[in-house]
Amino acid sequence: MAGSVGSSSDHKRIASFSLLVILALLSLSACRAFGSHVVKFLPGYRGQLPFHLETGYVSVDDSELFYYFIESQGNPSQDPIFLWLTGGPGCSAFNGLIYEIGPMQFDIHNYPGGPPSLLPLEDAWTKTASIIFVDLPAGSGFSYSRTQAGWPSSDTLAAEQAFQFLVKWLLEHPKYLPLELFISGDSYTGMFIPVVTKKVLERNIAGAVPSFNLKGYLIGSPTTDEALNSNSKIVFAHRMALISDELYERLKVSCNKSYINVEPSNAECTEALQAYNLCVQGVGKGDILEPNCAFVSPRNPENGDAALPRRFLQKISGNSLLVGSPDRNLQLERCRTYNYTLAPIWANDPRVIEALHVRKGTVRRWVRCNQSLSYTKDVESVIPVHKYLTRHDLNVLIQTGDRDMVVPHVATRAWVQELGLAVDSNWRPWFVGGQVAGYTEEYDSDASGYRLVYATVKGAGHPAPEYYRKECYQMFDRWVHTYPL
């Protein structure tokens, strides 16, 4: 009898060991299928990267979504983890990494032509957080679809795919599951970041295993309500003295404060809008204080321009850009868009493609923002989603540049106030280096623990981190550690 019991116990141990072996093999197989790679060197960066960079793909529906993961340079076992989505729609997450919050930047002041060099950046959000930058949807950056039907996307589909990406990525990287999780991004991703947050929250409520340690979300210069955003541009233009008091009053009265989808029969409103457009057409929308430069790009050898230097700038719309000027410092001073021209030169270099482990032949040519994306804007407003989220214990940061005319701060503060939260800390300046860096107001809900910080960045455009990286990092660092701005 004793021998029989021992035999049963042995069988159980063998079965248990076999199961562990099978699970280990399945895990190893899944990791291989996942296709992630650690990148230690990048073309243009001198020496080994001083941070942990992983790139790879996650399969979602018919799409293969490419990502860059940078582990926190601070305390990666305790610092929070962020999913970062870049706007457009159709812009690569590399835009956020290189121009906004990542630990690298192009050396634009010493650019002789050809593949640009990369420099370390001190004011990177990765100093205190791990960040997953994902190209979303298919057609953005290095992400692609395996089928023709998988190329079209929409607000609804992008939110669902971002959620599915996050679930799969975290399950494949279980060591990051205990970390505080935030959903984040800027610009047009404001239309689906709160939706992704809601999906993660509902997954936890449903009791999915493992549970995600969701702590909140962050959005910069967020598109939130299309009608509110469009109508607020008139208010912003008046506050910034771009239109006169008289014209502003004409617009308000004749258009009844609604400046989109105007009836053709309303001639007075139409004429007032024409006068408004005449006043603002020469103003840069990304930052009304900066020159209104063309979106410049290097000449394309495929179009017969191979004889021109790669640093030669092409004028593609009417303005005062000095085409082909030998004084690049003047171009840099006048035109922020010059910096954008370096991204496709770098990203399309065969050495970069290899270093990032991009699947060859999947993307014909990388572009910073894919303007030919097949995309349907099927959500008009996510204010109701924000209102739903206020019923839960979340930490939220909404930031905006106060010279941004793409998504004016007027619209952002309007919908924040519409949430009906109590003001916990009244409007006040916040400081960096003893100087006013912007203004902030804090809201909360005693019933749920929801807390929202609204902050402007003084003098910044769209989005704010492209203009004031130091100030935006200081804002982020204080907020994520729950310190007052």
Protein backbone atom coordinates (compact mmCIF):
# COMPACT_ATOMS: atom_id res chain seq x y z
CA MET A 1 0.00 0.00 0.00
CA ALA A 2 2.83 2.34 0.89
CA GLY A 3 4.47 1.53 -2.42
CA SER A 4 1.26 2.37 -4.22
CA VAL A 5 1.03 5.79 -2.55
CA GLY A 6 4.66 6.53 -3.34
CA SER A 7 4.11 5.61 -6.95
CA SER A 8 1.15 8.00 -7.19
CA SER A 9 3.20 10.80 -5.67
CA ASP A 10 6.01 10.15 -8.10
CA HIS A 11 3.57 10.27 -11.01
CA LYS A 12 2.26 13.63 -9.78
CA ARG A 13 5.76 15.04 -9.49
CA ILE A 14 6.62 13.79 -12.98
CA ALA A 15 3.38 15.23 -14.38
CA SER A 16 4.02 18.56 -12.64
CA PHE A 17 7.60 18.68 -13.94
CA SER A 18 6.41 17.82 -17.45
CA LEU A 19 3.86 20.63 -17.30
CA LEU A 20 6.54 23.12 -16.25
CA VAL A 21 8.75 21.97 -19.10
CA ILE A 22 5.89 22.36 -21.58
CA LEU A 23 5.04 25.83 -20.26
CA ALA A 24 8.70 26.85 -20.46
CA LEU A 25 8.93 25.62 -24.05
CA LEU A 26 5.70 27.39 -24.97
CA SER A 27 6.98 30.57 -23.33
CA LEU A 28 10.27 30.30 -25.21
CA SER A 29 8.38 29.69 -28.46
CA ALA A 30 6.11 32.67 -27.80
CA CYS A 31 9.10 34.92 -27.12
CA ARG A 32 10.67 33.86 -30.39
CA ALA A 33 7.39 34.50 -32.24
CA PHE A 34 7.11 37.83 -30.46
CA GLY A 35 10.22 38.96 -32.31
CA SER A 36 11.75 41.32 -29.74
CA HIS A 37 15.41 42.33 -29.88
CA VAL A 38 17.71 44.23 -27.55
CA VAL A 39 19.48 47.05 -29.40
CA LYS A 40 22.84 48.10 -27.96
CA PHE A 41 24.17 50.23 -30.80
CA LEU A 42 22.51 52.65 -33.22
CA PRO A 43 24.00 54.28 -36.32
CA GLY A 44 24.84 57.89 -35.53
CA TYR A 45 25.18 57.31 -31.79
CA ARG A 46 28.76 57.24 -30.56
CA GLY A 47 29.45 54.13 -28.49
CA GLN A 48 27.02 51.81 -26.75
CA LEU A 49 23.58 53.17 -25.86
CA PRO A 50 23.47 54.27 -22.20
CA PHE A 51 19.94 52.90 -21.83
CA HIS A 52 18.12 49.62 -22.45
CA LEU A 53 16.38 49.69 -25.85
CA GLU A 54 14.22 46.86 -27.14
CA THR A 55 12.41 46.84 -30.48
CA GLY A 56 9.96 44.37 -31.91
CA TYR A 57 6.53 43.62 -33.28
CA VAL A 58 3.24 42.60 -31.68
CA SER A 59 0.60 40.93 -33.83
CA VAL A 60 -2.85 42.49 -33.41
CA ASP A 61 -5.57 41.37 -35.83
CA ASP A 62 -3.94 41.58 -39.27
CA SER A 63 -1.46 44.23 -38.13
CA GLU A 64 2.17 43.90 -37.06
CA LEU A 65 2.69 46.82 -34.67
CA PHE A 66 6.29 47.95 -34.28
CA TYR A 67 7.51 49.34 -30.97
CA TYR A 68 10.53 50.86 -29.25
CA PHE A 69 10.77 50.07 -25.54
CA ILE A 70 13.14 52.10 -23.40
CA GLU A 71 13.54 50.91 -19.83
CA SER A 72 13.78 53.51 -17.09
CA GLN A 73 17.29 54.84 -16.58
CA GLY A 74 16.42 55.44 -12.92
CA ASN A 75 15.04 52.52 -10.95
CA PRO A 76 13.41 50.19 -13.52
CA SER A 77 12.17 47.75 -10.89
CA GLN A 78 10.08 50.48 -9.24
CA ASP A 79 9.59 53.33 -11.72
CA PRO A 80 6.24 53.38 -13.56
CA ILE A 81 5.70 52.12 -17.11
CA PHE A 82 3.98 54.17 -19.82
CA LEU A 83 2.37 53.21 -23.09
CA TRP A 84 3.09 56.15 -25.44
CA LEU A 85 1.00 56.82 -28.56
CA THR A 86 1.80 59.56 -31.06
CA GLY A 87 -0.84 61.62 -32.85
CA GLY A 88 -1.50 62.41 -36.47
CA PRO A 89 -3.22 60.05 -36.96
CA GLY A 90 -0.42 58.26 -38.79
CA CYS A 91 2.68 59.70 -37.11
CA SER A 92 5.40 57.33 -35.94
CA ALA A 93 6.08 56.89 -32.24
CA PHE A 94 9.68 57.72 -33.16
CA ASN A 95 8.48 61.33 -33.34
CA GLY A 96 7.69 61.27 -29.63
CA LEU A 97 10.91 59.44 -28.86
CA ILE A 98 13.31 61.72 -30.74
CA TYR A 99 11.57 65.12 -30.68
CA GLU A 100 9.65 65.10 -27.41
CA ILE A 101 10.37 62.82 -24.46
CA GLY A 102 13.03 60.22 -25.35
CA PRO A 103 16.72 60.09 -24.36
CA MET A 104 18.09 60.99 -27.81
CA GLN A 105 18.04 63.93 -30.20
CA PHE A 106 19.49 64.71 -33.62
CA ASP A 107 22.64 66.82 -33.77
CA ILE A 108 21.04 69.48 -35.96
CA HIS A 109 23.62 72.19 -35.33
CA ASN A 110 26.52 70.17 -36.71
CA TYR A 111 24.85 68.46 -39.64
CA PRO A 112 27.09 68.20 -42.75
CA GLY A 113 24.64 66.12 -44.79
CA GLY A 114 24.00 62.39 -45.07
CA PRO A 115 22.87 60.25 -42.12
CA PRO A 116 22.53 62.50 -39.06
CA SER A 117 24.24 61.96 -35.71
CA LEU A 118 22.41 61.29 -32.45
CA LEU A 119 23.18 62.95 -29.14
CA PRO A 120 22.09 62.01 -25.62
CA LEU A 121 19.37 64.16 -24.06
CA GLU A 122 19.45 65.07 -20.40
CA ASP A 123 15.76 65.96 -19.97
CA ALA A 124 14.30 62.62 -21.01
CA TRP A 125 11.19 61.16 -19.39
CA THR A 126 12.94 57.79 -19.47
CA LYS A 127 15.13 59.02 -16.60
CA THR A 128 12.26 58.20 -14.29
CA ALA A 129 9.91 55.93 -16.25
CA SER A 130 9.93 52.99 -18.66
CA ILE A 131 8.16 53.86 -21.92
CA ILE A 132 6.76 51.71 -24.74
CA PHE A 133 6.60 53.79 -27.94
CA VAL A 134 4.31 52.04 -30.43
CA ASP A 135 3.68 52.83 -34.11
CA LEU A 136 -0.12 52.79 -34.35
CA PRO A 137 -2.10 52.10 -36.50
CA ALA A 138 -0.70 50.01 -39.38
CA GLY A 139 0.85 52.39 -41.88
CA SER A 140 2.48 54.46 -39.12
CA GLY A 141 6.26 54.21 -38.87
CA PHE A 142 7.39 50.61 -39.30
CA SER A 143 4.00 49.04 -38.50
CA TYR A 144 2.26 47.21 -41.34
CA SER A 145 -0.63 44.92 -42.19
CA ARG A 146 -0.30 41.36 -43.42
CA THR A 147 -3.48 41.72 -45.46
CA GLN A 148 -5.08 44.40 -47.62
CA ALA A 149 -8.10 44.47 -45.33
CA GLY A 150 -5.91 45.30 -42.34
CA TRP A 151 -4.65 48.66 -43.59
CA PRO A 152 -7.73 50.88 -42.97
CA SER A 153 -8.17 52.11 -39.41
CA SER A 154 -10.32 54.42 -37.31
CA ASP A 155 -10.54 56.01 -33.86
CA THR A 156 -12.47 53.00 -32.57
CA LEU A 157 -10.14 50.43 -34.12
CA ALA A 158 -6.97 52.28 -33.06
CA ALA A 159 -8.14 52.30 -29.43
CA GLU A 160 -8.95 48.59 -29.53
CA GLN A 161 -5.63 47.70 -31.16
CA ALA A 162 -3.68 49.83 -28.67
CA PHE A 163 -5.42 47.95 -25.86
CA GLN A 164 -4.73 44.55 -27.42
CA PHE A 165 -1.11 45.54 -28.02
CA LEU A 166 -0.69 46.50 -24.37
CA VAL A 167 -2.23 43.28 -23.09
CA LYS A 168 0.00 41.13 -25.29
CA TRP A 169 3.13 43.15 -24.56
CA LEU A 170 2.70 43.02 -20.78
CA LEU A 171 1.91 39.30 -20.81
CA GLU A 172 5.14 38.75 -22.75
CA HIS A 173 7.05 40.97 -20.28
CA PRO A 174 5.65 39.80 -16.92
CA LYS A 175 8.39 41.43 -14.84
CA TYR A 176 6.80 44.83 -15.61
CA LEU A 177 3.30 43.78 -14.47
CA PRO A 178 3.75 44.97 -10.85
CA LEU A 179 4.76 48.47 -11.98
CA GLU A 180 2.35 51.38 -11.97
CA LEU A 181 0.87 51.62 -15.46
CA PHE A 182 -0.08 54.82 -17.30
CA ILE A 183 -1.59 55.32 -20.76
CA SER A 184 -0.14 58.37 -22.49
CA GLY A 185 0.42 60.31 -25.69
CA ASP A 186 -0.39 63.60 -27.34
CA SER A 187 -2.32 65.47 -30.00
CA TYR A 188 -4.84 63.33 -31.90
CA THR A 189 -4.31 60.35 -29.60
CA GLY A 190 -6.48 62.33 -27.18
CA MET A 191 -9.35 60.74 -29.11
CA PHE A 192 -8.48 57.24 -27.96
CA ILE A 193 -6.14 57.36 -24.94
CA PRO A 194 -9.08 57.73 -22.50
CA VAL A 195 -10.80 54.88 -24.35
CA VAL A 196 -7.74 52.65 -23.93
CA THR A 197 -7.62 53.61 -20.24
CA LYS A 198 -11.29 52.66 -19.89
CA LYS A 199 -10.65 49.28 -21.54
CA VAL A 200 -7.78 48.50 -19.14
CA LEU A 201 -9.93 49.59 -16.20
CA GLU A 202 -12.84 47.40 -17.31
CA ARG A 203 -10.47 44.46 -17.82
CA ASN A 204 -9.40 44.79 -14.18
CA ILE A 205 -13.00 45.15 -12.99
CA ALA A 206 -13.93 41.98 -14.90
CA GLY A 207 -11.29 40.12 -12.90
CA ALA A 208 -8.91 39.29 -15.74
CA VAL A 209 -5.70 37.57 -14.64
CA PRO A 210 -3.17 38.99 -14.28
CA SER A 211 -4.58 42.33 -13.21
CA PHE A 212 -2.82 45.44 -14.51
CA ASN A 213 -1.61 48.04 -12.00
CA LEU A 214 -3.36 50.94 -13.76
CA LYS A 215 -2.67 54.28 -12.06
CA GLY A 216 -3.74 56.89 -14.58
CA TYR A 217 -3.20 58.59 -17.91
CA LEU A 218 -1.43 61.57 -19.44
CA ILE A 219 -2.28 63.51 -22.59
CA GLY A 220 -0.52 66.50 -24.11
CA SER A 221 -2.31 69.03 -26.35
CA PRO A 222 -5.17 66.54 -26.71
CA THR A 223 -7.81 66.52 -29.40
CA THR A 224 -10.89 65.68 -27.32
CA ASP A 225 -14.01 67.10 -28.95
CA GLU A 226 -13.84 68.07 -32.63
CA ALA A 227 -16.53 70.77 -32.49
CA LEU A 228 -15.20 72.30 -29.26
CA ASN A 229 -11.67 72.31 -30.66
CA SER A 230 -12.66 74.04 -33.91
CA ASN A 231 -14.87 76.64 -32.25
CA SER A 232 -12.21 77.45 -29.65
CA LYS A 233 -9.76 78.56 -32.33
CA ILE A 234 -11.82 81.73 -32.82
CA VAL A 235 -11.72 82.46 -29.09
CA PHE A 236 -7.97 81.76 -28.99
CA ALA A 237 -7.32 84.04 -31.97
CA HIS A 238 -9.13 86.86 -30.23
CA ARG A 239 -7.29 86.37 -26.93
CA MET A 240 -3.96 86.37 -28.80
CA ALA A 241 -4.86 89.62 -30.64
CA LEU A 242 -4.88 87.89 -34.03
CA ILE A 243 -8.33 89.28 -34.75
CA SER A 244 -9.96 92.52 -33.65
CA ASP A 245 -12.65 92.95 -31.02
CA GLU A 246 -15.04 94.06 -33.73
CA LEU A 247 -14.46 90.97 -35.87
CA TYR A 248 -14.76 88.70 -32.86
CA GLU A 249 -18.15 90.21 -31.99
CA ARG A 250 -19.30 89.84 -35.61
CA LEU A 251 -18.29 86.19 -35.58
CA LYS A 252 -20.01 85.44 -32.29
CA VAL A 253 -23.27 87.10 -33.27
CA SER A 254 -23.53 86.09 -36.92
CA CYS A 255 -22.32 82.51 -36.42
CA ASN A 256 -23.98 82.03 -33.03
CA LYS A 257 -20.62 80.85 -31.64
CA SER A 258 -20.61 77.85 -33.99
CA TYR A 259 -18.02 78.17 -36.75
CA ILE A 260 -18.19 74.76 -38.41
CA ASN A 261 -20.71 73.46 -40.95
CA VAL A 262 -22.06 76.96 -41.50
CA GLU A 263 -25.18 77.14 -43.66
CA PRO A 264 -24.46 78.71 -47.08
CA SER A 265 -27.43 80.98 -46.56
CA ASN A 266 -25.71 82.64 -43.59
CA ALA A 267 -23.81 85.17 -45.69
CA GLU A 268 -22.85 87.38 -42.75
CA CYS A 269 -21.18 84.49 -40.88
CA THR A 270 -19.45 83.32 -44.06
CA GLU A 271 -18.02 86.78 -44.69
CA ALA A 272 -16.85 87.09 -41.09
CA LEU A 273 -15.10 83.71 -41.34
CA GLN A 274 -13.38 84.82 -44.55
CA ALA A 275 -12.07 87.89 -42.70
CA TYR A 276 -10.91 85.64 -39.85
CA ASN A 277 -9.07 83.29 -42.24
CA LEU A 278 -7.36 86.25 -43.88
CA CYS A 279 -6.04 87.36 -40.47
CA VAL A 280 -4.67 83.97 -39.39
CA GLN A 281 -3.56 82.34 -42.66
CA GLY A 282 0.00 83.64 -42.31
CA VAL A 283 0.34 82.54 -38.68
CA GLY A 284 2.01 79.25 -37.75
CA LYS A 285 -0.64 77.01 -36.22
CA GLY A 286 1.79 74.85 -34.27
CA ASP A 287 3.14 77.94 -32.49
CA ILE A 288 1.80 81.37 -33.32
CA LEU A 289 5.08 82.96 -32.17
CA GLU A 290 7.31 81.07 -34.59
CA PRO A 291 7.76 81.63 -38.34
CA ASN A 292 5.15 79.96 -40.53
CA CYS A 293 7.55 77.68 -42.38
CA ALA A 294 6.78 75.08 -44.99
CA PHE A 295 7.00 71.43 -44.09
CA VAL A 296 10.44 70.99 -45.61
CA SER A 297 12.09 67.79 -46.75
CA PRO A 298 15.25 66.74 -48.54
CA ARG A 299 15.06 66.42 -52.30
CA ASN A 300 14.07 62.89 -53.27
CA PRO A 301 16.59 61.11 -55.55
CA GLU A 302 13.70 59.00 -56.86
CA ASN A 303 12.30 62.18 -58.39
CA GLY A 304 15.49 62.99 -60.27
CA ASP A 305 17.10 65.17 -57.61
CA ALA A 306 20.10 62.94 -56.92
CA ALA A 307 22.59 65.64 -57.88
CA LEU A 308 21.43 67.93 -55.08
CA PRO A 309 22.93 67.74 -51.58
CA ARG A 310 20.73 65.80 -49.17
CA ARG A 311 20.61 68.83 -46.91
CA PHE A 312 19.07 70.98 -49.66
CA LEU A 313 15.62 72.15 -48.59
CA GLN A 314 12.61 72.07 -50.82
CA LYS A 315 9.85 74.62 -50.63
CA ILE A 316 6.52 72.83 -50.86
CA SER A 317 4.07 75.59 -49.97
CA GLY A 318 3.95 79.33 -50.25
CA ASN A 319 5.86 81.17 -47.54
CA SER A 320 9.17 82.90 -46.91
CA LEU A 321 11.43 79.88 -46.44
CA LEU A 322 14.85 80.51 -47.94
CA VAL A 323 15.25 77.58 -50.32
CA GLY A 324 18.74 76.15 -50.55
CA SER A 325 20.27 78.79 -48.32
CA PRO A 326 23.87 77.90 -47.42
CA ASP A 327 23.34 79.30 -43.93
CA ARG A 328 21.78 76.33 -42.13
CA ASN A 329 21.91 78.13 -38.79
CA LEU A 330 19.56 80.71 -40.23
CA GLN A 331 17.25 77.93 -41.39
CA LEU A 332 17.36 76.31 -37.97
CA GLU A 333 16.60 79.60 -36.27
CA ARG A 334 13.71 80.33 -38.55
CA CYS A 335 12.24 76.92 -39.29
CA ARG A 336 11.63 74.24 -36.66
CA THR A 337 10.49 71.92 -39.45
CA TYR A 338 14.09 71.60 -40.67
CA ASN A 339 14.67 69.18 -37.82
CA TYR A 340 11.92 66.91 -39.16
CA THR A 341 13.85 66.35 -42.40
CA LEU A 342 16.52 64.38 -40.55
CA ALA A 343 14.16 61.65 -39.32
CA PRO A 344 13.47 59.95 -42.69
CA ILE A 345 17.14 60.25 -43.67
CA TRP A 346 18.10 58.38 -40.51
CA ALA A 347 15.22 55.89 -40.39
CA ASN A 348 15.58 54.80 -44.03
CA ASP A 349 19.31 54.16 -43.76
CA PRO A 350 19.91 50.40 -44.32
CA ARG A 351 22.16 50.27 -41.25
CA VAL A 352 19.35 51.68 -39.10
CA ILE A 353 16.85 49.22 -40.57
CA GLU A 354 19.20 46.39 -39.59
CA ALA A 355 20.03 47.80 -36.15
CA LEU A 356 16.34 48.19 -35.25
CA HIS A 357 15.57 44.70 -36.57
CA VAL A 358 12.90 46.00 -38.91
CA ARG A 359 11.44 43.29 -41.12
CA LYS A 360 12.80 44.02 -44.56
CA GLY A 361 10.35 44.65 -47.34
CA THR A 362 7.40 45.36 -45.03
CA VAL A 363 7.58 49.17 -45.34
CA ARG A 364 8.70 50.62 -48.65
CA ARG A 365 9.81 53.96 -47.18
CA TRP A 366 9.55 55.23 -43.62
CA VAL A 367 7.88 58.62 -43.16
CA ARG A 368 7.53 60.58 -39.95
CA CYS A 369 3.81 61.14 -40.51
CA ASN A 370 1.87 59.12 -43.08
CA GLN A 371 -0.59 61.56 -44.59
CA SER A 372 -1.95 58.92 -46.99
CA LEU A 373 -3.16 56.71 -44.15
CA SER A 374 -6.58 55.14 -44.71
CA TYR A 375 -8.22 56.41 -41.54
CA THR A 376 -11.81 57.18 -40.49
CA LYS A 377 -12.47 59.65 -37.69
CA ASP A 378 -15.51 57.91 -36.24
CA VAL A 379 -15.53 59.49 -32.75
CA GLU A 380 -16.65 63.09 -32.34
CA SER A 381 -16.01 63.49 -28.62
CA VAL A 382 -14.45 61.55 -25.74
CA ILE A 383 -15.62 63.92 -23.01
CA PRO A 384 -18.16 61.28 -21.87
CA VAL A 385 -15.30 58.79 -21.49
CA HIS A 386 -13.35 61.26 -19.34
CA LYS A 387 -16.49 61.73 -17.20
CA TYR A 388 -16.72 57.96 -16.74
CA LEU A 389 -13.08 57.80 -15.68
CA THR A 390 -13.63 60.46 -12.99
CA ARG A 391 -15.54 57.80 -11.04
CA HIS A 392 -12.35 55.82 -10.52
CA ASP A 393 -9.13 56.26 -8.56
CA LEU A 394 -6.82 57.62 -11.28
CA ASN A 395 -4.00 60.15 -11.47
CA VAL A 396 -4.28 62.34 -14.59
CA LEU A 397 -2.13 65.02 -16.22
CA ILE A 398 -3.44 67.19 -19.06
CA GLN A 399 -0.77 69.52 -20.45
CA THR A 400 -0.87 72.09 -23.23
CA GLY A 401 1.24 74.79 -24.82
CA ASP A 402 -0.34 78.21 -24.47
CA ARG A 403 0.70 79.29 -28.00
CA ASP A 404 -0.72 76.19 -29.69
CA MET A 405 -3.41 76.93 -32.29
CA VAL A 406 -3.78 73.30 -33.43
CA VAL A 407 -5.46 72.33 -30.16
CA PRO A 408 -5.92 75.63 -28.29
CA HIS A 409 -5.68 75.64 -24.52
CA VAL A 410 -9.08 77.32 -24.57
CA ALA A 411 -10.67 74.06 -25.74
CA THR A 412 -8.70 71.89 -23.32
CA ARG A 413 -9.58 73.90 -20.22
CA ALA A 414 -13.22 74.10 -21.33
CA TRP A 415 -13.70 70.32 -21.40
CA VAL A 416 -11.68 69.85 -18.20
CA GLN A 417 -14.07 72.23 -16.42
CA GLU A 418 -17.00 70.38 -18.00
CA LEU A 419 -16.06 67.27 -16.00
CA GLY A 420 -17.59 68.92 -12.93
CA LEU A 421 -14.70 68.20 -10.58
CA ALA A 422 -13.97 70.21 -7.45
CA VAL A 423 -11.03 72.63 -7.66
CA ASP A 424 -8.44 71.46 -5.15
CA SER A 425 -5.72 73.99 -5.99
CA ASN A 426 -6.58 77.28 -7.67
CA TRP A 427 -4.92 78.68 -10.79
CA ARG A 428 -1.31 79.55 -10.06
CA PRO A 429 2.09 79.68 -11.79
CA TRP A 430 4.52 76.78 -11.63
CA PHE A 431 8.28 77.30 -11.84
CA VAL A 432 11.45 75.82 -13.29
CA GLY A 433 14.79 77.37 -12.35
CA GLY A 434 13.08 80.24 -10.56
CA GLN A 435 11.15 81.27 -13.69
CA VAL A 436 7.46 80.90 -14.48
CA ALA A 437 7.19 77.81 -16.70
CA GLY A 438 3.41 77.90 -17.03
CA TYR A 439 0.20 77.82 -15.05
CA THR A 440 -1.67 75.01 -13.37
CA GLU A 441 -4.92 74.12 -11.66
CA GLU A 442 -5.72 70.89 -9.83
CA TYR A 443 -9.05 69.11 -9.59
CA ASP A 444 -10.21 66.06 -7.70
CA SER A 445 -13.13 63.90 -6.70
CA ASP A 446 -13.37 62.98 -3.02
CA ALA A 447 -15.77 60.17 -3.81
CA SER A 448 -13.50 58.22 -6.18
CA GLY A 449 -9.96 59.45 -5.52
CA TYR A 450 -9.71 60.72 -9.12
CA ARG A 451 -7.19 63.56 -9.39
CA LEU A 452 -6.52 65.72 -12.45
CA VAL A 453 -3.71 68.23 -12.96
CA TYR A 454 -4.19 70.71 -15.79
CA ALA A 455 -1.03 72.59 -16.76
CA THR A 456 0.04 75.03 -19.45
CA VAL A 457 3.61 75.46 -20.69
CA LYS A 458 4.33 79.15 -21.19
CA GLY A 459 5.33 79.96 -24.75
CA ALA A 460 5.08 76.36 -26.00
CA GLY A 461 3.41 75.17 -29.17
CA HIS A 462 2.03 71.86 -30.39
CA PRO A 463 2.93 69.63 -28.67
CA ALA A 464 4.63 71.32 -25.73
CA PRO A 465 7.60 68.92 -25.20
CA GLU A 466 8.90 69.72 -28.70
CA TYR A 467 9.40 73.31 -27.59
CA TYR A 468 10.39 73.16 -23.91
CA ARG A 469 11.83 69.76 -23.10
CA LYS A 470 13.38 70.75 -19.78
CA GLU A 471 10.21 72.36 -18.46
CA CYS A 472 8.03 69.47 -19.64
CA TYR A 473 10.33 66.92 -18.04
CA GLN A 474 10.23 68.80 -14.75
CA MET A 475 6.43 68.85 -14.96
CA PHE A 476 6.31 65.13 -15.69
CA ASP A 477 8.81 64.19 -12.99
CA ARG A 478 6.92 66.10 -10.29
CA TRP A 479 3.50 64.81 -11.36
CA VAL A 480 4.47 61.14 -11.69
CA HIS A 481 5.94 61.23 -8.18
CA THR A 482 2.76 62.99 -6.92
CA TYR A 483 4.55 66.22 -6.02
CA PRO A 484 2.84 69.57 -6.67
CA LEU A 485 4.02 71.25 -9.86
